[in-house]
Amino acid sequence: ISSLRDITPSDTRIVFVVATSLMTRRQWHRQRLHLVLSA
């Protein structure tokens, strides 16, 4: 992906945010949630 091109561990930190409000506000299929979170 374009944001990860030409970066190195010396100059970049990676952040992933799991937003629990997105998980609670809809009646998601469990496998749909699991796919995204585990990936």
PDB file of all heavy atoms in Angstrom:
ATOM      1  N   ILE A   1       0.846  -1.190   0.000  1.00  0.00           N
ATOM      2  CA  ILE A   1       0.000   0.000   0.000  1.00  0.00           C
ATOM      3  C   ILE A   1       0.886   1.247   0.000  1.00  0.00           C
ATOM      4  O   ILE A   1       2.019   1.230   0.481  1.00  0.00           O
ATOM      5  CB  ILE A   1      -0.975   0.026   1.197  1.00  0.00           C
ATOM      6  CG1 ILE A   1      -0.244   0.047   2.537  1.00  0.00           C
ATOM      7  CG2 ILE A   1      -1.947  -1.142   1.113  1.00  0.00           C
ATOM      8  CD1 ILE A   1      -1.165   0.240   3.734  1.00  0.00           C
ATOM      9  N   SER A   2       0.350   2.325  -0.535  1.00  0.00           N
ATOM     10  CA  SER A   2       1.159   3.522  -0.773  1.00  0.00           C
ATOM     11  C   SER A   2       1.766   4.102   0.493  1.00  0.00           C
ATOM     12  O   SER A   2       2.873   4.658   0.457  1.00  0.00           O
ATOM     13  CB  SER A   2       0.311   4.582  -1.482  1.00  0.00           C
ATOM     14  OG  SER A   2      -0.864   4.865  -0.743  1.00  0.00           O
ATOM     15  N   SER A   3       1.112   3.988   1.626  1.00  0.00           N
ATOM     16  CA  SER A   3       1.634   4.566   2.870  1.00  0.00           C
ATOM     17  C   SER A   3       2.807   3.777   3.440  1.00  0.00           C
ATOM     18  O   SER A   3       3.540   4.288   4.301  1.00  0.00           O
ATOM     19  CB  SER A   3       0.519   4.652   3.916  1.00  0.00           C
ATOM     20  OG  SER A   3      -0.046   3.376   4.131  1.00  0.00           O
ATOM     21  N   LEU A   4       2.999   2.533   2.999  1.00  0.00           N
ATOM     22  CA  LEU A   4       4.089   1.703   3.519  1.00  0.00           C
ATOM     23  C   LEU A   4       5.270   1.613   2.554  1.00  0.00           C
ATOM     24  O   LEU A   4       6.258   0.937   2.852  1.00  0.00           O
ATOM     25  CB  LEU A   4       3.581   0.290   3.841  1.00  0.00           C
ATOM     26  CG  LEU A   4       2.551   0.187   4.977  1.00  0.00           C
ATOM     27  CD1 LEU A   4       2.150  -1.256   5.196  1.00  0.00           C
ATOM     28  CD2 LEU A   4       3.090   0.785   6.267  1.00  0.00           C
ATOM     29  N   ARG A   5       5.183   2.289   1.441  1.00  0.00           N
ATOM     30  CA  ARG A   5       6.308   2.280   0.501  1.00  0.00           C
ATOM     31  C   ARG A   5       7.457   3.150   1.034  1.00  0.00           C
ATOM     32  O   ARG A   5       7.235   4.185   1.660  1.00  0.00           O
ATOM     33  CB  ARG A   5       5.869   2.826  -0.852  1.00  0.00           C
ATOM     34  CG  ARG A   5       4.985   1.889  -1.650  1.00  0.00           C
ATOM     35  CD  ARG A   5       4.566   2.564  -2.943  1.00  0.00           C
ATOM     36  NE  ARG A   5       3.833   1.650  -3.816  1.00  0.00           N
ATOM     37  CZ  ARG A   5       3.255   2.032  -4.942  1.00  0.00           C
ATOM     38  NH1 ARG A   5       3.343   3.289  -5.338  1.00  0.00           N
ATOM     39  NH2 ARG A   5       2.606   1.162  -5.689  1.00  0.00           N
ATOM     40  N   ASP A   6       8.647   2.727   0.768  1.00  0.00           N
ATOM     41  CA  ASP A   6       9.845   3.535   1.052  1.00  0.00           C
ATOM     42  C   ASP A   6       9.957   3.953   2.511  1.00  0.00           C
ATOM     43  O   ASP A   6      10.401   5.053   2.829  1.00  0.00           O
ATOM     44  CB  ASP A   6       9.871   4.791   0.154  1.00  0.00           C
ATOM     45  CG  ASP A   6       9.788   4.451  -1.321  1.00  0.00           C
ATOM     46  OD1 ASP A   6      10.422   3.458  -1.730  1.00  0.00           O
ATOM     47  OD2 ASP A   6       9.086   5.149  -2.062  1.00  0.00           O
ATOM     48  N   ILE A   7       9.538   3.081   3.420  1.00  0.00           N
ATOM     49  CA  ILE A   7       9.716   3.362   4.841  1.00  0.00           C
ATOM     50  C   ILE A   7      10.642   2.310   5.444  1.00  0.00           C
ATOM     51  O   ILE A   7      10.800   1.211   4.895  1.00  0.00           O
ATOM     52  CB  ILE A   7       8.378   3.375   5.611  1.00  0.00           C
ATOM     53  CG1 ILE A   7       7.719   1.982   5.578  1.00  0.00           C
ATOM     54  CG2 ILE A   7       7.425   4.424   5.043  1.00  0.00           C
ATOM     55  CD1 ILE A   7       6.542   1.851   6.510  1.00  0.00           C
ATOM     56  N   THR A   8      11.249   2.646   6.554  1.00  0.00           N
ATOM     57  CA  THR A   8      12.151   1.718   7.242  1.00  0.00           C
ATOM     58  C   THR A   8      11.839   1.733   8.733  1.00  0.00           C
ATOM     59  O   THR A   8      11.255   2.699   9.246  1.00  0.00           O
ATOM     60  CB  THR A   8      13.617   2.137   7.050  1.00  0.00           C
ATOM     61  OG1 THR A   8      13.835   3.409   7.698  1.00  0.00           O
ATOM     62  CG2 THR A   8      13.965   2.255   5.568  1.00  0.00           C
ATOM     63  N   PRO A   9      12.215   0.670   9.433  1.00  0.00           N
ATOM     64  CA  PRO A   9      11.990   0.652  10.883  1.00  0.00           C
ATOM     65  C   PRO A   9      12.688   1.785  11.631  1.00  0.00           C
ATOM     66  O   PRO A   9      12.278   2.146  12.737  1.00  0.00           O
ATOM     67  CB  PRO A   9      12.554  -0.717  11.298  1.00  0.00           C
ATOM     68  CG  PRO A   9      12.446  -1.563  10.073  1.00  0.00           C
ATOM     69  CD  PRO A   9      12.715  -0.623   8.939  1.00  0.00           C
ATOM     70  N   SER A  10      13.707   2.367  11.024  1.00  0.00           N
ATOM     71  CA  SER A  10      14.450   3.426  11.718  1.00  0.00           C
ATOM     72  C   SER A  10      13.722   4.755  11.713  1.00  0.00           C
ATOM     73  O   SER A  10      13.991   5.613  12.569  1.00  0.00           O
ATOM     74  CB  SER A  10      15.831   3.589  11.086  1.00  0.00           C
ATOM     75  OG  SER A  10      15.706   4.013   9.730  1.00  0.00           O
ATOM     76  N   ASP A  11      12.783   4.942  10.749  1.00  0.00           N
ATOM     77  CA  ASP A  11      12.134   6.254  10.684  1.00  0.00           C
ATOM     78  C   ASP A  11      10.620   6.201  10.828  1.00  0.00           C
ATOM     79  O   ASP A  11       9.950   7.226  10.777  1.00  0.00           O
ATOM     80  CB  ASP A  11      12.496   6.960   9.364  1.00  0.00           C
ATOM     81  CG  ASP A  11      12.017   6.204   8.125  1.00  0.00           C
ATOM     82  OD1 ASP A  11      11.166   5.308   8.251  1.00  0.00           O
ATOM     83  OD2 ASP A  11      12.512   6.510   7.024  1.00  0.00           O
ATOM     84  N   THR A  12      10.060   5.002  11.009  1.00  0.00           N
ATOM     85  CA  THR A  12       8.604   4.874  11.007  1.00  0.00           C
ATOM     86  C   THR A  12       8.126   3.893  12.078  1.00  0.00           C
ATOM     87  O   THR A  12       8.685   2.809  12.239  1.00  0.00           O
ATOM     88  CB  THR A  12       8.102   4.369   9.634  1.00  0.00           C
ATOM     89  OG1 THR A  12       8.587   5.236   8.608  1.00  0.00           O
ATOM     90  CG2 THR A  12       6.580   4.336   9.589  1.00  0.00           C
ATOM     91  N   ARG A  13       7.096   4.293  12.781  1.00  0.00           N
ATOM     92  CA  ARG A  13       6.372   3.395  13.688  1.00  0.00           C
ATOM     93  C   ARG A  13       5.010   3.099  13.059  1.00  0.00           C
ATOM     94  O   ARG A  13       4.408   3.967  12.424  1.00  0.00           O
ATOM     95  CB  ARG A  13       6.205   4.042  15.059  1.00  0.00           C
ATOM     96  CG  ARG A  13       5.414   3.183  16.066  1.00  0.00           C
ATOM     97  CD  ARG A  13       5.323   3.851  17.426  1.00  0.00           C
ATOM     98  NE  ARG A  13       6.597   3.751  18.156  1.00  0.00           N
ATOM     99  CZ  ARG A  13       7.420   4.753  18.369  1.00  0.00           C
ATOM    100  NH1 ARG A  13       7.126   5.967  17.890  1.00  0.00           N
ATOM    101  NH2 ARG A  13       8.550   4.580  19.026  1.00  0.00           N
ATOM    102  N   ILE A  14       4.512   1.896  13.215  1.00  0.00           N
ATOM    103  CA  ILE A  14       3.227   1.496  12.655  1.00  0.00           C
ATOM    104  C   ILE A  14       2.186   1.471  13.768  1.00  0.00           C
ATOM    105  O   ILE A  14       2.463   1.002  14.874  1.00  0.00           O
ATOM    106  CB  ILE A  14       3.306   0.103  11.998  1.00  0.00           C
ATOM    107  CG1 ILE A  14       4.528   0.000  11.070  1.00  0.00           C
ATOM    108  CG2 ILE A  14       2.009  -0.204  11.248  1.00  0.00           C
ATOM    109  CD1 ILE A  14       4.483   0.910   9.874  1.00  0.00           C
ATOM    110  N   VAL A  15       0.998   1.952  13.460  1.00  0.00           N
ATOM    111  CA  VAL A  15      -0.079   1.915  14.454  1.00  0.00           C
ATOM    112  C   VAL A  15      -1.327   1.275  13.846  1.00  0.00           C
ATOM    113  O   VAL A  15      -1.717   1.572  12.718  1.00  0.00           O
ATOM    114  CB  VAL A  15      -0.394   3.323  15.003  1.00  0.00           C
ATOM    115  CG1 VAL A  15      -0.732   4.309  13.889  1.00  0.00           C
ATOM    116  CG2 VAL A  15      -1.525   3.264  16.019  1.00  0.00           C
ATOM    117  N   PHE A  16      -1.905   0.345  14.596  1.00  0.00           N
ATOM    118  CA  PHE A  16      -3.198  -0.262  14.288  1.00  0.00           C
ATOM    119  C   PHE A  16      -4.157   0.114  15.410  1.00  0.00           C
ATOM    120  O   PHE A  16      -3.812  -0.048  16.592  1.00  0.00           O
ATOM    121  CB  PHE A  16      -3.102  -1.785  14.221  1.00  0.00           C
ATOM    122  CG  PHE A  16      -2.302  -2.320  13.074  1.00  0.00           C
ATOM    123  CD1 PHE A  16      -0.919  -2.366  13.123  1.00  0.00           C
ATOM    124  CD2 PHE A  16      -2.939  -2.787  11.933  1.00  0.00           C
ATOM    125  CE1 PHE A  16      -0.172  -2.878  12.073  1.00  0.00           C
ATOM    126  CE2 PHE A  16      -2.212  -3.303  10.870  1.00  0.00           C
ATOM    127  CZ  PHE A  16      -0.821  -3.346  10.935  1.00  0.00           C
ATOM    128  N   VAL A  17      -5.337   0.599  15.062  1.00  0.00           N
ATOM    129  CA  VAL A  17      -6.336   0.938  16.078  1.00  0.00           C
ATOM    130  C   VAL A  17      -7.551   0.032  15.900  1.00  0.00           C
ATOM    131  O   VAL A  17      -8.178   0.016  14.826  1.00  0.00           O
ATOM    132  CB  VAL A  17      -6.774   2.414  15.981  1.00  0.00           C
ATOM    133  CG1 VAL A  17      -7.886   2.701  16.987  1.00  0.00           C
ATOM    134  CG2 VAL A  17      -5.580   3.342  16.230  1.00  0.00           C
ATOM    135  N   VAL A  18      -7.874  -0.717  16.947  1.00  0.00           N
ATOM    136  CA  VAL A  18      -9.113  -1.496  16.986  1.00  0.00           C
ATOM    137  C   VAL A  18     -10.142  -0.642  17.710  1.00  0.00           C
ATOM    138  O   VAL A  18     -10.043  -0.432  18.919  1.00  0.00           O
ATOM    139  CB  VAL A  18      -8.905  -2.834  17.714  1.00  0.00           C
ATOM    140  CG1 VAL A  18     -10.228  -3.591  17.818  1.00  0.00           C
ATOM    141  CG2 VAL A  18      -7.860  -3.675  17.000  1.00  0.00           C
ATOM    142  N   ALA A  19     -11.102  -0.106  16.982  1.00  0.00           N
ATOM    143  CA  ALA A  19     -12.112   0.788  17.560  1.00  0.00           C
ATOM    144  C   ALA A  19     -13.301  -0.038  18.021  1.00  0.00           C
ATOM    145  O   ALA A  19     -14.071  -0.559  17.206  1.00  0.00           O
ATOM    146  CB  ALA A  19     -12.538   1.825  16.526  1.00  0.00           C
ATOM    147  N   THR A  20     -13.451  -0.166  19.329  1.00  0.00           N
ATOM    148  CA  THR A  20     -14.503  -1.045  19.862  1.00  0.00           C
ATOM    149  C   THR A  20     -15.898  -0.512  19.571  1.00  0.00           C
ATOM    150  O   THR A  20     -16.857  -1.292  19.498  1.00  0.00           O
ATOM    151  CB  THR A  20     -14.326  -1.236  21.381  1.00  0.00           C
ATOM    152  OG1 THR A  20     -14.358   0.040  22.031  1.00  0.00           O
ATOM    153  CG2 THR A  20     -13.002  -1.930  21.683  1.00  0.00           C
ATOM    154  N   SER A  21     -16.043   0.798  19.366  1.00  0.00           N
ATOM    155  CA  SER A  21     -17.369   1.345  19.042  1.00  0.00           C
ATOM    156  C   SER A  21     -17.877   0.801  17.714  1.00  0.00           C
ATOM    157  O   SER A  21     -19.083   0.608  17.529  1.00  0.00           O
ATOM    158  CB  SER A  21     -17.318   2.871  18.997  1.00  0.00           C
ATOM    159  OG  SER A  21     -16.420   3.315  18.002  1.00  0.00           O
ATOM    160  N   LEU A  22     -16.964   0.537  16.778  1.00  0.00           N
ATOM    161  CA  LEU A  22     -17.364  -0.039  15.496  1.00  0.00           C
ATOM    162  C   LEU A  22     -17.839  -1.475  15.664  1.00  0.00           C
ATOM    163  O   LEU A  22     -18.670  -1.964  14.884  1.00  0.00           O
ATOM    164  CB  LEU A  22     -16.195   0.006  14.509  1.00  0.00           C
ATOM    165  CG  LEU A  22     -15.714   1.392  14.071  1.00  0.00           C
ATOM    166  CD1 LEU A  22     -14.509   1.261  13.142  1.00  0.00           C
ATOM    167  CD2 LEU A  22     -16.825   2.175  13.392  1.00  0.00           C
ATOM    168  N   MET A  23     -17.328  -2.147  16.671  1.00  0.00           N
ATOM    169  CA  MET A  23     -17.705  -3.540  16.900  1.00  0.00           C
ATOM    170  C   MET A  23     -19.070  -3.651  17.573  1.00  0.00           C
ATOM    171  O   MET A  23     -19.779  -4.646  17.403  1.00  0.00           O
ATOM    172  CB  MET A  23     -16.652  -4.231  17.769  1.00  0.00           C
ATOM    173  CG  MET A  23     -15.272  -4.278  17.128  1.00  0.00           C
ATOM    174  SD  MET A  23     -13.975  -4.768  18.299  1.00  0.00           S
ATOM    175  CE  MET A  23     -14.491  -6.430  18.725  1.00  0.00           C
ATOM    176  N   THR A  24     -19.438  -2.629  18.345  1.00  0.00           N
ATOM    177  CA  THR A  24     -20.645  -2.732  19.155  1.00  0.00           C
ATOM    178  C   THR A  24     -21.889  -2.138  18.506  1.00  0.00           C
ATOM    179  O   THR A  24     -23.006  -2.494  18.873  1.00  0.00           O
ATOM    180  CB  THR A  24     -20.439  -2.031  20.514  1.00  0.00           C
ATOM    181  OG1 THR A  24     -20.118  -0.649  20.274  1.00  0.00           O
ATOM    182  CG2 THR A  24     -19.313  -2.666  21.298  1.00  0.00           C
ATOM    183  N   ARG A  25     -21.708  -1.244  17.541  1.00  0.00           N
ATOM    184  CA  ARG A  25     -22.874  -0.497  17.066  1.00  0.00           C
ATOM    185  C   ARG A  25     -23.685  -1.226  16.011  1.00  0.00           C
ATOM    186  O   ARG A  25     -24.782  -0.790  15.656  1.00  0.00           O
ATOM    187  CB  ARG A  25     -22.427   0.860  16.534  1.00  0.00           C
ATOM    188  CG  ARG A  25     -21.732   0.824  15.184  1.00  0.00           C
ATOM    189  CD  ARG A  25     -21.258   2.208  14.778  1.00  0.00           C
ATOM    190  NE  ARG A  25     -20.683   2.222  13.441  1.00  0.00           N
ATOM    191  CZ  ARG A  25     -20.024   3.255  12.953  1.00  0.00           C
ATOM    192  NH1 ARG A  25     -19.841   4.329  13.704  1.00  0.00           N
ATOM    193  NH2 ARG A  25     -19.538   3.218  11.727  1.00  0.00           N
ATOM    194  N   ARG A  26     -23.191  -2.338  15.478  1.00  0.00           N
ATOM    195  CA  ARG A  26     -23.913  -3.101  14.472  1.00  0.00           C
ATOM    196  C   ARG A  26     -23.963  -4.578  14.857  1.00  0.00           C
ATOM    197  O   ARG A  26     -23.145  -5.046  15.647  1.00  0.00           O
ATOM    198  CB  ARG A  26     -23.234  -2.986  13.100  1.00  0.00           C
ATOM    199  CG  ARG A  26     -23.364  -1.640  12.405  1.00  0.00           C
ATOM    200  CD  ARG A  26     -22.581  -1.678  11.111  1.00  0.00           C
ATOM    201  NE  ARG A  26     -22.690  -0.493  10.303  1.00  0.00           N
ATOM    202  CZ  ARG A  26     -23.582  -0.303   9.336  1.00  0.00           C
ATOM    203  NH1 ARG A  26     -24.463  -1.251   9.084  1.00  0.00           N
ATOM    204  NH2 ARG A  26     -23.595   0.811   8.624  1.00  0.00           N
ATOM    205  N   GLN A  27     -24.900  -5.298  14.254  1.00  0.00           N
ATOM    206  CA  GLN A  27     -24.992  -6.737  14.488  1.00  0.00           C
ATOM    207  C   GLN A  27     -24.170  -7.456  13.422  1.00  0.00           C
ATOM    208  O   GLN A  27     -24.669  -8.069  12.497  1.00  0.00           O
ATOM    209  CB  GLN A  27     -26.451  -7.210  14.447  1.00  0.00           C
ATOM    210  CG  GLN A  27     -26.624  -8.623  14.978  1.00  0.00           C
ATOM    211  CD  GLN A  27     -28.058  -9.081  14.940  1.00  0.00           C
ATOM    212  OE1 GLN A  27     -28.758  -8.875  13.956  1.00  0.00           O
ATOM    213  NE2 GLN A  27     -28.511  -9.711  16.010  1.00  0.00           N
ATOM    214  N   TRP A  28     -22.838  -7.404  13.586  1.00  0.00           N
ATOM    215  CA  TRP A  28     -21.940  -7.995  12.616  1.00  0.00           C
ATOM    216  C   TRP A  28     -22.003  -9.517  12.642  1.00  0.00           C
ATOM    217  O   TRP A  28     -22.227 -10.122  13.692  1.00  0.00           O
ATOM    218  CB  TRP A  28     -20.495  -7.590  12.917  1.00  0.00           C
ATOM    219  CG  TRP A  28     -20.219  -6.129  12.878  1.00  0.00           C
ATOM    220  CD1 TRP A  28     -20.016  -5.305  13.950  1.00  0.00           C
ATOM    221  CD2 TRP A  28     -20.115  -5.292  11.723  1.00  0.00           C
ATOM    222  NE1 TRP A  28     -19.783  -4.015  13.528  1.00  0.00           N
ATOM    223  CE2 TRP A  28     -19.837  -3.977  12.166  1.00  0.00           C
ATOM    224  CE3 TRP A  28     -20.216  -5.526  10.349  1.00  0.00           C
ATOM    225  CZ2 TRP A  28     -19.669  -2.908  11.290  1.00  0.00           C
ATOM    226  CZ3 TRP A  28     -20.052  -4.459   9.474  1.00  0.00           C
ATOM    227  CH2 TRP A  28     -19.784  -3.169   9.949  1.00  0.00           C
ATOM    228  N   HIS A  29     -21.769 -10.118  11.506  1.00  0.00           N
ATOM    229  CA  HIS A  29     -21.523 -11.559  11.477  1.00  0.00           C
ATOM    230  C   HIS A  29     -20.182 -11.804  12.161  1.00  0.00           C
ATOM    231  O   HIS A  29     -19.199 -11.106  11.912  1.00  0.00           O
ATOM    232  CB  HIS A  29     -21.477 -12.062  10.034  1.00  0.00           C
ATOM    233  CG  HIS A  29     -21.605 -13.546   9.920  1.00  0.00           C
ATOM    234  ND1 HIS A  29     -20.641 -14.426  10.395  1.00  0.00           N
ATOM    235  CD2 HIS A  29     -22.581 -14.322   9.381  1.00  0.00           C
ATOM    236  CE1 HIS A  29     -21.016 -15.665  10.143  1.00  0.00           C
ATOM    237  NE2 HIS A  29     -22.199 -15.633   9.529  1.00  0.00           N
ATOM    238  N   ARG A  30     -20.149 -12.787  13.010  1.00  0.00           N
ATOM    239  CA  ARG A  30     -18.939 -13.031  13.784  1.00  0.00           C
ATOM    240  C   ARG A  30     -17.723 -13.306  12.892  1.00  0.00           C
ATOM    241  O   ARG A  30     -16.611 -12.858  13.174  1.00  0.00           O
ATOM    242  CB  ARG A  30     -19.165 -14.206  14.743  1.00  0.00           C
ATOM    243  CG  ARG A  30     -18.013 -14.400  15.727  1.00  0.00           C
ATOM    244  CD  ARG A  30     -18.288 -15.540  16.691  1.00  0.00           C
ATOM    245  NE  ARG A  30     -17.180 -15.630  17.641  1.00  0.00           N
ATOM    246  CZ  ARG A  30     -17.141 -15.041  18.822  1.00  0.00           C
ATOM    247  NH1 ARG A  30     -18.167 -14.290  19.211  1.00  0.00           N
ATOM    248  NH2 ARG A  30     -16.096 -15.169  19.624  1.00  0.00           N
ATOM    249  N   GLN A  31     -17.933 -14.030  11.805  1.00  0.00           N
ATOM    250  CA  GLN A  31     -16.808 -14.342  10.924  1.00  0.00           C
ATOM    251  C   GLN A  31     -16.290 -13.092  10.214  1.00  0.00           C
ATOM    252  O   GLN A  31     -15.101 -12.983   9.929  1.00  0.00           O
ATOM    253  CB  GLN A  31     -17.211 -15.408   9.907  1.00  0.00           C
ATOM    254  CG  GLN A  31     -17.429 -16.774  10.542  1.00  0.00           C
ATOM    255  CD  GLN A  31     -17.740 -17.844   9.523  1.00  0.00           C
ATOM    256  OE1 GLN A  31     -17.226 -17.839   8.426  1.00  0.00           O
ATOM    257  NE2 GLN A  31     -18.600 -18.790   9.899  1.00  0.00           N
ATOM    258  N   ARG A  32     -17.174 -12.154   9.924  1.00  0.00           N
ATOM    259  CA  ARG A  32     -16.736 -10.901   9.296  1.00  0.00           C
ATOM    260  C   ARG A  32     -15.819 -10.124  10.234  1.00  0.00           C
ATOM    261  O   ARG A  32     -14.761  -9.633   9.834  1.00  0.00           O
ATOM    262  CB  ARG A  32     -17.952 -10.062   8.910  1.00  0.00           C
ATOM    263  CG  ARG A  32     -17.601  -8.663   8.431  1.00  0.00           C
ATOM    264  CD  ARG A  32     -18.600  -8.168   7.406  1.00  0.00           C
ATOM    265  NE  ARG A  32     -18.562  -6.732   7.217  1.00  0.00           N
ATOM    266  CZ  ARG A  32     -17.535  -6.040   6.734  1.00  0.00           C
ATOM    267  NH1 ARG A  32     -16.412  -6.657   6.411  1.00  0.00           N
ATOM    268  NH2 ARG A  32     -17.611  -4.739   6.585  1.00  0.00           N
ATOM    269  N   LEU A  33     -16.216 -10.001  11.489  1.00  0.00           N
ATOM    270  CA  LEU A  33     -15.363  -9.334  12.471  1.00  0.00           C
ATOM    271  C   LEU A  33     -14.049 -10.078  12.643  1.00  0.00           C
ATOM    272  O   LEU A  33     -12.975  -9.473  12.690  1.00  0.00           O
ATOM    273  CB  LEU A  33     -16.082  -9.249  13.819  1.00  0.00           C
ATOM    274  CG  LEU A  33     -16.986  -8.057  14.095  1.00  0.00           C
ATOM    275  CD1 LEU A  33     -17.494  -8.130  15.521  1.00  0.00           C
ATOM    276  CD2 LEU A  33     -16.282  -6.732  13.850  1.00  0.00           C
ATOM    277  N   HIS A  34     -14.132 -11.387  12.770  1.00  0.00           N
ATOM    278  CA  HIS A  34     -12.928 -12.185  13.021  1.00  0.00           C
ATOM    279  C   HIS A  34     -11.943 -12.053  11.857  1.00  0.00           C
ATOM    280  O   HIS A  34     -10.724 -11.934  12.077  1.00  0.00           O
ATOM    281  CB  HIS A  34     -13.318 -13.649  13.230  1.00  0.00           C
ATOM    282  CG  HIS A  34     -12.217 -14.478  13.818  1.00  0.00           C
ATOM    283  ND1 HIS A  34     -12.291 -15.009  15.090  1.00  0.00           N
ATOM    284  CD2 HIS A  34     -11.009 -14.864  13.329  1.00  0.00           C
ATOM    285  CE1 HIS A  34     -11.184 -15.690  15.340  1.00  0.00           C
ATOM    286  NE2 HIS A  34     -10.386 -15.613  14.282  1.00  0.00           N
ATOM    287  N   LEU A  35     -12.456 -12.079  10.629  1.00  0.00           N
ATOM    288  CA  LEU A  35     -11.583 -11.933   9.466  1.00  0.00           C
ATOM    289  C   LEU A  35     -10.757 -10.658   9.551  1.00  0.00           C
ATOM    290  O   LEU A  35      -9.531 -10.681   9.434  1.00  0.00           O
ATOM    291  CB  LEU A  35     -12.418 -11.919   8.186  1.00  0.00           C
ATOM    292  CG  LEU A  35     -11.663 -11.473   6.922  1.00  0.00           C
ATOM    293  CD1 LEU A  35     -10.638 -12.515   6.510  1.00  0.00           C
ATOM    294  CD2 LEU A  35     -12.633 -11.165   5.785  1.00  0.00           C
ATOM    295  N   VAL A  36     -11.414  -9.535   9.750  1.00  0.00           N
ATOM    296  CA  VAL A  36     -10.719  -8.243   9.735  1.00  0.00           C
ATOM    297  C   VAL A  36      -9.742  -8.143  10.899  1.00  0.00           C
ATOM    298  O   VAL A  36      -8.575  -7.763  10.721  1.00  0.00           O
ATOM    299  CB  VAL A  36     -11.741  -7.090   9.771  1.00  0.00           C
ATOM    300  CG1 VAL A  36     -11.017  -5.749   9.887  1.00  0.00           C
ATOM    301  CG2 VAL A  36     -12.621  -7.110   8.526  1.00  0.00           C
ATOM    302  N   LEU A  37     -10.192  -8.515  12.093  1.00  0.00           N
ATOM    303  CA  LEU A  37      -9.342  -8.351  13.277  1.00  0.00           C
ATOM    304  C   LEU A  37      -8.148  -9.306  13.249  1.00  0.00           C
ATOM    305  O   LEU A  37      -7.021  -8.927  13.603  1.00  0.00           O
ATOM    306  CB  LEU A  37     -10.169  -8.556  14.540  1.00  0.00           C
ATOM    307  CG  LEU A  37     -11.235  -7.496  14.791  1.00  0.00           C
ATOM    308  CD1 LEU A  37     -12.141  -7.909  15.948  1.00  0.00           C
ATOM    309  CD2 LEU A  37     -10.605  -6.131  15.082  1.00  0.00           C
ATOM    310  N   SER A  38      -8.371 -10.541  12.847  1.00  0.00           N
ATOM    311  CA  SER A  38      -7.249 -11.485  12.816  1.00  0.00           C
ATOM    312  C   SER A  38      -6.272 -11.136  11.696  1.00  0.00           C
ATOM    313  O   SER A  38      -5.052 -11.273  11.860  1.00  0.00           O
ATOM    314  CB  SER A  38      -7.747 -12.927  12.664  1.00  0.00           C
ATOM    315  OG  SER A  38      -8.470 -13.098  11.462  1.00  0.00           O
ATOM    316  N   ALA A  39      -6.785 -10.662  10.556  1.00  0.00           N
ATOM    317  CA  ALA A  39      -5.895 -10.247   9.475  1.00  0.00           C
ATOM    318  C   ALA A  39      -5.071  -9.032   9.899  1.00  0.00           C
ATOM    319  O   ALA A  39      -3.876  -8.936   9.576  1.00  0.00           O
ATOM    320  CB  ALA A  39      -6.704  -9.936   8.222  1.00  0.00           C
TER     321      ALA A  39
END
